[in-house]
C-alpha atoms as a PDB file:
ATOM      1  CA  UNK A   1     129.158 117.675  85.980  1.00  0.00           C
ATOM      2  CA  UNK A   2     128.719 114.008  86.242  1.00  0.00           C
ATOM      3  CA  UNK A   3     124.823 113.133  86.745  1.00  0.00           C
ATOM      4  CA  UNK A   4     123.389 109.964  88.089  1.00  0.00           C
ATOM      5  CA  UNK A   5     119.949 108.338  87.628  1.00  0.00           C
ATOM      6  CA  UNK A   6     118.307 105.265  88.331  1.00  0.00           C
ATOM      7  CA  UNK A   7     115.361 103.346  90.125  1.00  0.00           C
ATOM      8  CA  UNK A   8     114.908 102.738  93.550  1.00  0.00           C
ATOM      9  CA  UNK A   9     112.288 100.107  94.778  1.00  0.00           C
ATOM     10  CA  UNK A  10     110.869 100.398  98.224  1.00  0.00           C
ATOM     11  CA  UNK A  11     109.617  97.123  99.482  1.00  0.00           C
ATOM     12  CA  UNK A  12     108.207  95.688 102.747  1.00  0.00           C
ATOM     13  CA  UNK A  13     105.035  94.593 104.416  1.00  0.00           C
ATOM     14  CA  UNK A  14     101.690  96.500 104.093  1.00  0.00           C
ATOM     15  CA  UNK A  15     101.909  99.466 106.400  1.00  0.00           C
ATOM     16  CA  UNK A  16     105.671  99.590 106.810  1.00  0.00           C
ATOM     17  CA  UNK A  17     105.473 103.323 105.759  1.00  0.00           C
ATOM     18  CA  UNK A  18     106.645 103.079 102.001  1.00  0.00           C
ATOM     19  CA  UNK A  19     104.339 105.842 100.932  1.00  0.00           C
ATOM     20  CA  UNK A  20     105.059 107.968 103.983  1.00  0.00           C
ATOM     21  CA  UNK A  21     108.858 107.567 103.189  1.00  0.00           C
ATOM     22  CA  UNK A  22     108.216 108.313  99.277  1.00  0.00           C
ATOM     23  CA  UNK A  23     106.452 111.462 100.086  1.00  0.00           C
ATOM     24  CA  UNK A  24     109.138 112.576 102.446  1.00  0.00           C
ATOM     25  CA  UNK A  25     111.973 111.655  99.938  1.00  0.00           C
ATOM     26  CA  UNK A  26     110.138 113.288  97.119  1.00  0.00           C
ATOM     27  CA  UNK A  27     108.954 116.409  98.996  1.00  0.00           C
ATOM     28  CA  UNK A  28     107.627 119.262  97.421  1.00  0.00           C
ATOM     29  CA  UNK A  29     109.870 118.442  94.196  1.00  0.00           C
ATOM     30  CA  UNK A  30     107.229 115.689  93.151  1.00  0.00           C
ATOM     31  CA  UNK A  31     106.825 114.704  89.687  1.00  0.00           C
ATOM     32  CA  UNK A  32     104.789 111.833  88.896  1.00  0.00           C
ATOM     33  CA  UNK A  33     105.422 110.199  85.604  1.00  0.00           C
ATOM     34  CA  UNK A  34     104.657 107.206  83.434  1.00  0.00           C
ATOM     35  CA  UNK A  35     107.618 105.046  82.065  1.00  0.00           C
ATOM     36  CA  UNK A  36     105.821 103.718  79.110  1.00  0.00           C
ATOM     37  CA  UNK A  37     107.797 100.501  78.715  1.00  0.00           C
ATOM     38  CA  UNK A  38     107.043  99.440  82.314  1.00  0.00           C
ATOM     39  CA  UNK A  39     103.653 100.788  83.001  1.00  0.00           C
ATOM     40  CA  UNK A  40     102.616  97.373  84.215  1.00  0.00           C
ATOM     41  CA  UNK A  41     105.333  97.121  86.509  1.00  0.00           C
ATOM     42  CA  UNK A  42     104.558  99.669  89.282  1.00  0.00           C
ATOM     43  CA  UNK A  43     102.009 102.485  89.212  1.00  0.00           C
ATOM     44  CA  UNK A  44     103.279 105.608  90.786  1.00  0.00           C
ATOM     45  CA  UNK A  45     106.748 106.824  90.949  1.00  0.00           C
ATOM     46  CA  UNK A  46     108.067 109.864  92.502  1.00  0.00           C
ATOM     47  CA  UNK A  47     111.347 111.545  91.324  1.00  0.00           C
ATOM     48  CA  UNK A  48     113.430 113.215  93.796  1.00  0.00           C
ATOM     49  CA  UNK A  49     116.494 115.456  92.813  1.00  0.00           C
ATOM     50  CA  UNK A  50     119.383 115.208  95.156  1.00  0.00           C
ATOM     51  CA  UNK A  51     122.391 117.259  94.032  1.00  0.00           C
ATOM     52  CA  UNK A  52     123.229 116.003  90.404  1.00  0.00           C
ATOM     53  CA  UNK A  53     121.397 112.628  91.033  1.00  0.00           C
ATOM     54  CA  UNK A  54     117.841 111.799  89.881  1.00  0.00           C
ATOM     55  CA  UNK A  55     116.359 109.265  92.231  1.00  0.00           C
ATOM     56  CA  UNK A  56     113.116 107.692  90.657  1.00  0.00           C
ATOM     57  CA  UNK A  57     111.193 105.906  93.206  1.00  0.00           C
ATOM     58  CA  UNK A  58     109.230 102.667  92.237  1.00  0.00           C
ATOM     59  CA  UNK A  59     106.184 102.620  94.626  1.00  0.00           C
ATOM     60  CA  UNK A  60     105.611  98.975  94.985  1.00  0.00           C
ATOM     61  CA  UNK A  61     102.326  97.213  96.559  1.00  0.00           C
ATOM     62  CA  UNK A  62     102.935  96.034 100.231  1.00  0.00           C
ATOM     63  CA  UNK A  63     104.335  92.336 100.216  1.00  0.00           C
ATOM     64  CA  UNK A  64     101.803  89.770 101.746  1.00  0.00           C
ATOM     65  CA  UNK A  65     100.609  86.321 101.261  1.00  0.00           C
ATOM     66  CA  UNK A  66      98.311  86.652  98.143  1.00  0.00           C
ATOM     67  CA  UNK A  67      94.938  84.966  98.293  1.00  0.00           C
ATOM     68  CA  UNK A  68      92.972  86.463  95.494  1.00  0.00           C
ATOM     69  CA  UNK A  69      93.686  87.163  91.902  1.00  0.00           C
ATOM     70  CA  UNK A  70      94.275  91.140  92.797  1.00  0.00           C
ATOM     71  CA  UNK A  71      96.475  90.103  95.651  1.00  0.00           C
ATOM     72  CA  UNK A  72      98.805  87.817  93.303  1.00  0.00           C
ATOM     73  CA  UNK A  73      98.608  90.732  90.662  1.00  0.00           C
ATOM     74  CA  UNK A  74      99.990  92.994  93.137  1.00  0.00           C
ATOM     75  CA  UNK A  75     102.517  90.838  94.818  1.00  0.00           C
ATOM     76  CA  UNK A  76     103.868  90.131  91.202  1.00  0.00           C
ATOM     77  CA  UNK A  77     103.987  93.838  90.580  1.00  0.00           C
ATOM     78  CA  UNK A  78     105.896  94.561  93.766  1.00  0.00           C
ATOM     79  CA  UNK A  79     108.619  91.750  92.894  1.00  0.00           C
ATOM     80  CA  UNK A  80     108.757  92.981  89.215  1.00  0.00           C
ATOM     81  CA  UNK A  81     109.618  96.611  90.410  1.00  0.00           C
ATOM     82  CA  UNK A  82     112.065  95.154  92.864  1.00  0.00           C
ATOM     83  CA  UNK A  83     113.852  92.869  90.255  1.00  0.00           C
ATOM     84  CA  UNK A  84     114.168  95.827  87.798  1.00  0.00           C
ATOM     85  CA  UNK A  85     115.297  98.283  90.230  1.00  0.00           C
ATOM     86  CA  UNK A  86     119.023  99.464  90.603  1.00  0.00           C
ATOM     87  CA  UNK A  87     118.710  99.700  94.411  1.00  0.00           C
ATOM     88  CA  UNK A  88     116.197  97.989  96.796  1.00  0.00           C
ATOM     89  CA  UNK A  89     115.271  99.372  99.999  1.00  0.00           C
ATOM     90  CA  UNK A  90     113.644  97.057 102.442  1.00  0.00           C
ATOM     91  CA  UNK A  91     111.280  98.809 105.166  1.00  0.00           C
ATOM     92  CA  UNK A  92     111.025  97.056 108.445  1.00  0.00           C
ATOM     93  CA  UNK A  93     109.021  98.313 111.351  1.00  0.00           C
ATOM     94  CA  UNK A  94     111.057  98.809 114.360  1.00  0.00           C
ATOM     95  CA  UNK A  95     108.450  97.619 116.848  1.00  0.00           C
ATOM     96  CA  UNK A  96     107.210  94.611 114.963  1.00  0.00           C
ATOM     97  CA  UNK A  97     110.860  93.417 114.213  1.00  0.00           C
ATOM     98  CA  UNK A  98     111.387  90.255 112.179  1.00  0.00           C
ATOM     99  CA  UNK A  99     107.920  89.067 111.645  1.00  0.00           C
ATOM    100  CA  UNK A 100     107.011  86.018 109.824  1.00  0.00           C
ATOM    101  CA  UNK A 101     106.337  88.211 106.767  1.00  0.00           C
ATOM    102  CA  UNK A 102     109.630  90.254 106.880  1.00  0.00           C
ATOM    103  CA  UNK A 103     111.188  86.582 106.998  1.00  0.00           C
ATOM    104  CA  UNK A 104     109.173  85.383 103.929  1.00  0.00           C
ATOM    105  CA  UNK A 105     110.442  88.647 102.179  1.00  0.00           C
ATOM    106  CA  UNK A 106     113.947  87.999 103.041  1.00  0.00           C
ATOM    107  CA  UNK A 107     113.871  84.490 101.700  1.00  0.00           C
ATOM    108  CA  UNK A 108     112.287  85.916  98.589  1.00  0.00           C
ATOM    109  CA  UNK A 109     114.882  88.341  98.182  1.00  0.00           C
ATOM    110  CA  UNK A 110     117.539  85.712  98.069  1.00  0.00           C
ATOM    111  CA  UNK A 111     115.628  84.018  95.192  1.00  0.00           C
ATOM    112  CA  UNK A 112     114.285  86.725  93.188  1.00  0.00           C
ATOM    113  CA  UNK A 113     116.686  89.727  93.501  1.00  0.00           C
ATOM    114  CA  UNK A 114     119.896  89.013  91.301  1.00  0.00           C
ATOM    115  CA  UNK A 115     123.216  88.616  93.223  1.00  0.00           C
ATOM    116  CA  UNK A 116     125.164  92.080  92.914  1.00  0.00           C
ATOM    117  CA  UNK A 117     122.020  94.033  93.128  1.00  0.00           C
ATOM    118  CA  UNK A 118     122.408  96.677  95.998  1.00  0.00           C
ATOM    119  CA  UNK A 119     120.022  96.046  98.715  1.00  0.00           C
ATOM    120  CA  UNK A 120     119.652  98.459 101.653  1.00  0.00           C
ATOM    121  CA  UNK A 121     117.857  97.983 105.046  1.00  0.00           C
ATOM    122  CA  UNK A 122     115.670 100.883 106.622  1.00  0.00           C
ATOM    123  CA  UNK A 123     114.350 100.216 110.042  1.00  0.00           C
ATOM    124  CA  UNK A 124     111.415 102.587 110.397  1.00  0.00           C
ATOM    125  CA  UNK A 125     109.398 104.056 113.083  1.00  0.00           C
ATOM    126  CA  UNK A 126     112.678 103.943 115.346  1.00  0.00           C
ATOM    127  CA  UNK A 127     110.870 106.438 117.617  1.00  0.00           C
ATOM    128  CA  UNK A 128     108.774 103.604 119.018  1.00  0.00           C
ATOM    129  CA  UNK A 129     111.425 101.534 120.549  1.00  0.00           C
ATOM    130  CA  UNK A 130     114.634 101.820 122.677  1.00  0.00           C
ATOM    131  CA  UNK A 131     118.167 102.124 121.198  1.00  0.00           C
ATOM    132  CA  UNK A 132     119.329  98.571 122.472  1.00  0.00           C
ATOM    133  CA  UNK A 133     116.194  96.909 120.836  1.00  0.00           C
ATOM    134  CA  UNK A 134     117.123  98.680 117.465  1.00  0.00           C
ATOM    135  CA  UNK A 135     120.668  97.665 117.644  1.00  0.00           C
ATOM    136  CA  UNK A 136     119.585  93.937 118.343  1.00  0.00           C
ATOM    137  CA  UNK A 137     116.973  93.996 115.430  1.00  0.00           C
ATOM    138  CA  UNK A 138     119.721  95.435 113.157  1.00  0.00           C
ATOM    139  CA  UNK A 139     122.021  92.630 113.973  1.00  0.00           C
ATOM    140  CA  UNK A 140     119.444  90.003 113.453  1.00  0.00           C
ATOM    141  CA  UNK A 141     118.403  91.432 110.103  1.00  0.00           C
ATOM    142  CA  UNK A 142     121.750  91.775 108.719  1.00  0.00           C
ATOM    143  CA  UNK A 143     122.564  88.290 109.877  1.00  0.00           C
ATOM    144  CA  UNK A 144     119.595  87.068 107.803  1.00  0.00           C
ATOM    145  CA  UNK A 145     120.373  88.897 104.730  1.00  0.00           C
ATOM    146  CA  UNK A 146     123.819  90.734 103.455  1.00  0.00           C
ATOM    147  CA  UNK A 147     122.514  94.302 103.308  1.00  0.00           C
ATOM    148  CA  UNK A 148     124.802  96.844 101.566  1.00  0.00           C
ATOM    149  CA  UNK A 149     123.895  99.421 104.490  1.00  0.00           C
ATOM    150  CA  UNK A 150     121.465  99.978 107.423  1.00  0.00           C
ATOM    151  CA  UNK A 151     119.592 103.174 108.111  1.00  0.00           C
ATOM    152  CA  UNK A 152     117.481 103.838 110.990  1.00  0.00           C
ATOM    153  CA  UNK A 153     114.539 106.238 109.957  1.00  0.00           C
ATOM    154  CA  UNK A 154     111.391 107.760 111.143  1.00  0.00           C
ATOM    155  CA  UNK A 155     109.557 108.454 107.558  1.00  0.00           C
ATOM    156  CA  UNK A 156     106.776 110.392 109.408  1.00  0.00           C
ATOM    157  CA  UNK A 157     109.178 112.661 111.546  1.00  0.00           C
ATOM    158  CA  UNK A 158     111.812 112.772 108.836  1.00  0.00           C
ATOM    159  CA  UNK A 159     114.708 111.404 111.235  1.00  0.00           C
ATOM    160  CA  UNK A 160     117.542 109.716 108.995  1.00  0.00           C
ATOM    161  CA  UNK A 161     115.790 110.355 105.631  1.00  0.00           C
ATOM    162  CA  UNK A 162     118.091 112.737 104.486  1.00  0.00           C
ATOM    163  CA  UNK A 163     121.050 110.235 105.229  1.00  0.00           C
ATOM    164  CA  UNK A 164     119.309 107.638 103.192  1.00  0.00           C
ATOM    165  CA  UNK A 165     118.514 109.956 100.211  1.00  0.00           C
ATOM    166  CA  UNK A 166     122.006 111.241  99.961  1.00  0.00           C
ATOM    167  CA  UNK A 167     123.122 107.618 100.179  1.00  0.00           C
ATOM    168  CA  UNK A 168     120.849 106.584  97.308  1.00  0.00           C
ATOM    169  CA  UNK A 169     121.944 109.554  95.299  1.00  0.00           C
ATOM    170  CA  UNK A 170     125.750 108.653  95.569  1.00  0.00           C
ATOM    171  CA  UNK A 171     125.079 104.915  94.931  1.00  0.00           C
ATOM    172  CA  UNK A 172     122.957 105.201  91.855  1.00  0.00           C
ATOM    173  CA  UNK A 173     124.946 104.492  88.496  1.00  0.00           C
ATOM    174  CA  UNK A 174     126.221 107.383  86.463  1.00  0.00           C
ATOM    175  CA  UNK A 175     124.020 108.426  83.483  1.00  0.00           C
ATOM    176  CA  UNK A 176     121.793 110.977  82.220  1.00  0.00           C
ATOM    177  CA  UNK A 177     118.577 111.979  83.862  1.00  0.00           C
ATOM    178  CA  UNK A 178     115.659 109.857  82.973  1.00  0.00           C
ATOM    179  CA  UNK A 179     112.948 112.643  83.147  1.00  0.00           C
ATOM    180  CA  UNK A 180     112.787 116.335  82.478  1.00  0.00           C
ATOM    181  CA  UNK A 181     113.136 117.790  86.078  1.00  0.00           C
ATOM    182  CA  UNK A 182     109.667 119.604  85.759  1.00  0.00           C
ATOM    183  CA  UNK A 183     107.692 116.850  84.084  1.00  0.00           C
ATOM    184  CA  UNK A 184     104.247 116.145  85.351  1.00  0.00           C
ATOM    185  CA  UNK A 185     102.347 114.301  82.823  1.00  0.00           C
ATOM    186  CA  UNK A 186      98.658 114.331  82.434  1.00  0.00           C
ATOM    187  CA  UNK A 187      97.717 110.622  82.480  1.00  0.00           C
ATOM    188  CA  UNK A 188      99.448 110.001  85.904  1.00  0.00           C
ATOM    189  CA  UNK A 189      97.515 113.023  87.548  1.00  0.00           C
ATOM    190  CA  UNK A 190      94.169 111.188  86.715  1.00  0.00           C
ATOM    191  CA  UNK A 191      95.728 108.130  88.481  1.00  0.00           C
ATOM    192  CA  UNK A 192      96.953 109.887  91.323  1.00  0.00           C
ATOM    193  CA  UNK A 193      93.640 111.543  91.745  1.00  0.00           C
ATOM    194  CA  UNK A 194      91.766 108.072  91.858  1.00  0.00           C
ATOM    195  CA  UNK A 195      94.478 106.931  94.233  1.00  0.00           C
ATOM    196  CA  UNK A 196      93.765 109.820  96.632  1.00  0.00           C
ATOM    197  CA  UNK A 197      89.907 109.288  96.644  1.00  0.00           C
ATOM    198  CA  UNK A 198      90.867 105.324  97.110  1.00  0.00           C
ATOM    199  CA  UNK A 199      92.941 106.223 100.095  1.00  0.00           C
ATOM    200  CA  UNK A 200      90.301 108.308 101.469  1.00  0.00           C
ATOM    201  CA  UNK A 201      87.785 105.302 100.950  1.00  0.00           C
ATOM    202  CA  UNK A 202      89.987 103.016 102.888  1.00  0.00           C
ATOM    203  CA  UNK A 203      90.714 105.288 105.684  1.00  0.00           C
ATOM    204  CA  UNK A 204      86.940 106.006 106.038  1.00  0.00           C
ATOM    205  CA  UNK A 205      85.848 102.356 105.746  1.00  0.00           C
ATOM    206  CA  UNK A 206      88.625 100.677 107.553  1.00  0.00           C
ATOM    207  CA  UNK A 207      88.395  96.988 107.217  1.00  0.00           C
ATOM    208  CA  UNK A 208      84.966  96.811 105.721  1.00  0.00           C
ATOM    209  CA  UNK A 209      86.089  96.844 102.108  1.00  0.00           C
ATOM    210  CA  UNK A 210      89.838  97.051 101.532  1.00  0.00           C
ATOM    211  CA  UNK A 211      90.398  95.254  98.239  1.00  0.00           C
ATOM    212  CA  UNK A 212      86.714  95.248  97.061  1.00  0.00           C
ATOM    213  CA  UNK A 213      86.699  98.542  95.421  1.00  0.00           C
ATOM    214  CA  UNK A 214      88.486 100.513  92.903  1.00  0.00           C
ATOM    215  CA  UNK A 215      88.330 104.274  91.692  1.00  0.00           C
ATOM    216  CA  UNK A 216      88.805 105.327  88.022  1.00  0.00           C
ATOM    217  CA  UNK A 217      89.050 109.033  86.800  1.00  0.00           C
ATOM    218  CA  UNK A 218      86.456 109.112  83.962  1.00  0.00           C
ATOM    219  CA  UNK A 219      86.464 112.933  83.300  1.00  0.00           C
ATOM    220  CA  UNK A 220      89.075 115.726  83.629  1.00  0.00           C
ATOM    221  CA  UNK A 221      88.045 119.211  82.531  1.00  0.00           C
ATOM    222  CA  UNK A 222      90.748 122.077  83.186  1.00  0.00           C
ATOM    223  CA  UNK A 223      88.464 125.133  83.125  1.00  0.00           C
ATOM    224  CA  UNK A 224      89.002 128.758  81.955  1.00  0.00           C
ATOM    225  CA  UNK A 225      88.584 130.242  85.541  1.00  0.00           C
ATOM    226  CA  UNK A 226      91.636 128.019  86.745  1.00  0.00           C
ATOM    227  CA  UNK A 227      89.747 125.277  88.424  1.00  0.00           C
ATOM    228  CA  UNK A 228      89.423 121.711  87.387  1.00  0.00           C
ATOM    229  CA  UNK A 229      86.287 119.446  87.298  1.00  0.00           C
ATOM    230  CA  UNK A 230      87.183 115.836  87.903  1.00  0.00           C
ATOM    231  CA  UNK A 231      84.531 113.012  87.570  1.00  0.00           C
ATOM    232  CA  UNK A 232      85.234 109.617  89.149  1.00  0.00           C
ATOM    233  CA  UNK A 233      83.700 106.116  89.119  1.00  0.00           C
ATOM    234  CA  UNK A 234      83.945 104.074  92.536  1.00  0.00           C
ATOM    235  CA  UNK A 235      83.432 100.536  91.390  1.00  0.00           C
ATOM    236  CA  UNK A 236      82.209  98.033  94.092  1.00  0.00           C
ATOM    237  CA  UNK A 237      81.614  94.316  93.763  1.00  0.00           C
ATOM    238  CA  UNK A 238      78.254  94.074  95.627  1.00  0.00           C
ATOM    239  CA  UNK A 239      74.948  95.900  96.185  1.00  0.00           C
ATOM    240  CA  UNK A 240      75.577  96.092  99.777  1.00  0.00           C
ATOM    241  CA  UNK A 241      78.889  97.477  99.380  1.00  0.00           C
ATOM    242  CA  UNK A 242      77.225 100.365  97.530  1.00  0.00           C
ATOM    243  CA  UNK A 243      75.326 101.128 100.504  1.00  0.00           C
ATOM    244  CA  UNK A 244      78.466 101.102 102.812  1.00  0.00           C
ATOM    245  CA  UNK A 245      80.118 103.601 100.580  1.00  0.00           C
ATOM    246  CA  UNK A 246      77.290 105.912 100.325  1.00  0.00           C
ATOM    247  CA  UNK A 247      76.452 105.772 104.120  1.00  0.00           C
ATOM    248  CA  UNK A 248      73.279 107.013 106.084  1.00  0.00           C
ATOM    249  CA  UNK A 249      71.635 109.776 103.560  1.00  0.00           C
ATOM    250  CA  UNK A 250      74.923 109.848 101.575  1.00  0.00           C
ATOM    251  CA  UNK A 251      76.903 111.132 104.454  1.00  0.00           C
ATOM    252  CA  UNK A 252      79.856 108.950 103.997  1.00  0.00           C
ATOM    253  CA  UNK A 253      80.517 109.632 100.466  1.00  0.00           C
ATOM    254  CA  UNK A 254      80.114 113.268 101.075  1.00  0.00           C
ATOM    255  CA  UNK A 255      82.917 113.302 103.643  1.00  0.00           C
ATOM    256  CA  UNK A 256      85.147 111.074 101.424  1.00  0.00           C
ATOM    257  CA  UNK A 257      84.468 113.501  98.692  1.00  0.00           C
ATOM    258  CA  UNK A 258      85.370 116.528 100.742  1.00  0.00           C
ATOM    259  CA  UNK A 259      88.524 115.045 101.946  1.00  0.00           C
ATOM    260  CA  UNK A 260      89.541 113.814  98.541  1.00  0.00           C
ATOM    261  CA  UNK A 261      88.822 117.129  96.922  1.00  0.00           C
ATOM    262  CA  UNK A 262      90.908 118.968  99.323  1.00  0.00           C
ATOM    263  CA  UNK A 263      93.944 116.926  98.841  1.00  0.00           C
ATOM    264  CA  UNK A 264      93.715 116.525  95.124  1.00  0.00           C
ATOM    265  CA  UNK A 265      93.337 120.566  95.111  1.00  0.00           C
ATOM    266  CA  UNK A 266      96.376 120.850  97.238  1.00  0.00           C
ATOM    267  CA  UNK A 267      98.384 118.426  94.914  1.00  0.00           C
ATOM    268  CA  UNK A 268      97.165 120.490  91.678  1.00  0.00           C
ATOM    269  CA  UNK A 269      97.519 123.812  93.451  1.00  0.00           C
ATOM    270  CA  UNK A 270      94.222 124.843  92.133  1.00  0.00           C
ATOM    271  CA  UNK A 271      90.636 124.750  92.953  1.00  0.00           C
ATOM    272  CA  UNK A 272      88.995 121.294  92.287  1.00  0.00           C
ATOM    273  CA  UNK A 273      85.190 120.302  91.611  1.00  0.00           C
ATOM    274  CA  UNK A 274      85.148 116.602  92.345  1.00  0.00           C
ATOM    275  CA  UNK A 275      82.006 114.499  91.418  1.00  0.00           C
ATOM    276  CA  UNK A 276      81.809 110.875  92.656  1.00  0.00           C
ATOM    277  CA  UNK A 277      79.533 108.146  91.542  1.00  0.00           C
ATOM    278  CA  UNK A 278      79.299 104.496  92.707  1.00  0.00           C
ATOM    279  CA  UNK A 279      78.743 101.548  90.550  1.00  0.00           C
ATOM    280  CA  UNK A 280      78.229  97.977  91.264  1.00  0.00           C
ATOM    281  CA  UNK A 281      80.225  95.728  88.906  1.00  0.00           C
ATOM    282  CA  UNK A 282      80.167  92.223  90.377  1.00  0.00           C
ATOM    283  CA  UNK A 283      82.909  90.847  88.374  1.00  0.00           C
ATOM    284  CA  UNK A 284      85.504  93.747  88.396  1.00  0.00           C
ATOM    285  CA  UNK A 285      88.018  91.701  90.598  1.00  0.00           C
ATOM    286  CA  UNK A 286      88.232  89.618  87.274  1.00  0.00           C
ATOM    287  CA  UNK A 287      88.306  92.079  84.670  1.00  0.00           C
ATOM    288  CA  UNK A 288      91.466  92.647  82.824  1.00  0.00           C
ATOM    289  CA  UNK A 289      90.712  96.095  82.011  1.00  0.00           C
ATOM    290  CA  UNK A 290      90.377  97.059  85.702  1.00  0.00           C
ATOM    291  CA  UNK A 291      94.067  95.952  86.109  1.00  0.00           C
ATOM    292  CA  UNK A 292      95.614  97.927  83.483  1.00  0.00           C
ATOM    293  CA  UNK A 293      93.880 100.915  84.935  1.00  0.00           C
ATOM    294  CA  UNK A 294      95.738 100.238  88.147  1.00  0.00           C
ATOM    295  CA  UNK A 295      98.933  99.474  86.309  1.00  0.00           C
ATOM    296  CA  UNK A 296      98.793  95.879  87.200  1.00  0.00           C
ATOM    297  CA  UNK A 297      99.167  92.657  84.900  1.00  0.00           C
ATOM    298  CA  UNK A 298      95.950  90.720  84.997  1.00  0.00           C
ATOM    299  CA  UNK A 299      97.951  87.523  83.740  1.00  0.00           C
ATOM    300  CA  UNK A 300     100.281  87.836  86.860  1.00  0.00           C
ATOM    301  CA  UNK A 301      97.147  86.901  88.972  1.00  0.00           C
ATOM    302  CA  UNK A 302      96.926  83.413  87.429  1.00  0.00           C
END
């Protein structure tokens, strides 16, 4: 049999639906792995098997106008992931259309992604607009950039996702699979657990501290009774932030811990005991070590 394998980078503005699409594409057959050579490139990859093809998704941070060092490192990681991928898929929200941010990404695609690289367009959240709006948006975007193919999808509801996955599988280069089909490595599990907790913090705290905190998994103990104890540290930049994360009588951190524990347990398929602590670390946004924990390159922020 002829096998195919390669990297697919999902790019787009923040909230375009990249994570939802990644989860939908990978489905139950998720295996999260580290690719030693490229650990700084992008943090979490999902591997989807489609027929005889192995599609390795590079989950890039959302692209936006960077202001701080962390923002710059994230944007550099996103473009690094796109430049190294075999196929790039640009996600655009149907109801927002060709925003200033999307325009900036299209300009950067022309500069940063080598000619001959396959770039596809996926218009997401199609259930939010009428068909004629979709067709007009598709024509406008294809005029702005020569996309190899355009897909109309709803990552959340699953519409059009199978077509996109099938096309990716056919379009990837021929070659051996990059990972064993069932590989789940230990190190990324720690990262995923930290990422799940960070997501719950972000959802719960909304706009209060989006980039001002980070989560690291400091302890991981698989116990004989089949459960796992996980100790995590939440780093915040200021004392005031610690109070926000803890909440009145510790209610906020308790709710976050319960939500994260439930999701981590579901992901691991085993009971989880999660212990969270909050530490104020004023300069964490400027510490190289925190960046490498997040799979980012500190120097890219300069």
